[in-house]
Amino acid sequence: MKLDEDTAIVQAVMTDLPTGEKTILSEKKDSKCLFKPVIQYKKYTIQLRLDYTPKGLDNSNNPTLDADVWQEQNGKKIFFKGQWHHTPITFDGNVNRYVYQFNFNGLSLDLAVIQSVRKSITCNMVISDSVDVKLIKKNP
């Protein structure tokens, strides 16, 4: 996923720390988010995604973990909002790393993300060399 002219995320892997389960996050066309497959929890469907939009980035340029939670009723999605909708990354001293601690209605997930990022650098170079020439004139 291209973040800007010079930066792209090649791959992002989300790990559920308690279970060790790893999931490769996917992208969607024209989106600045990376998505985890939906989770079915009780009567809810939960879509987790990392939000790389300017609004979704924190002061250190870490994405927010966004969550859409809904239930299907009569063929329609009924969405729920709450404090769990936006989960910032925090440092967890127990595991000595940055994690997203997502909590919703009894579901608690401690998630870590490893990203492979490609950074392109363009520069102009001028290579120069000099030659000293000494002219010696011979008399005939």
Foldseek 3Di string as FASTA:
>chain_A
DDLDPFKDWPWKWKAQVVVRDIFIWDDDPPAQKTWGPWDDDDQKIKIWIFHQDPVQADPVSGGWIAIWIFGADPNDTDTDDDPLRTWDWDQDPVVRGIWTFGDDPHDTTTMDMDTDMGGDDDDDDDDDDDDDDDDDDDDD
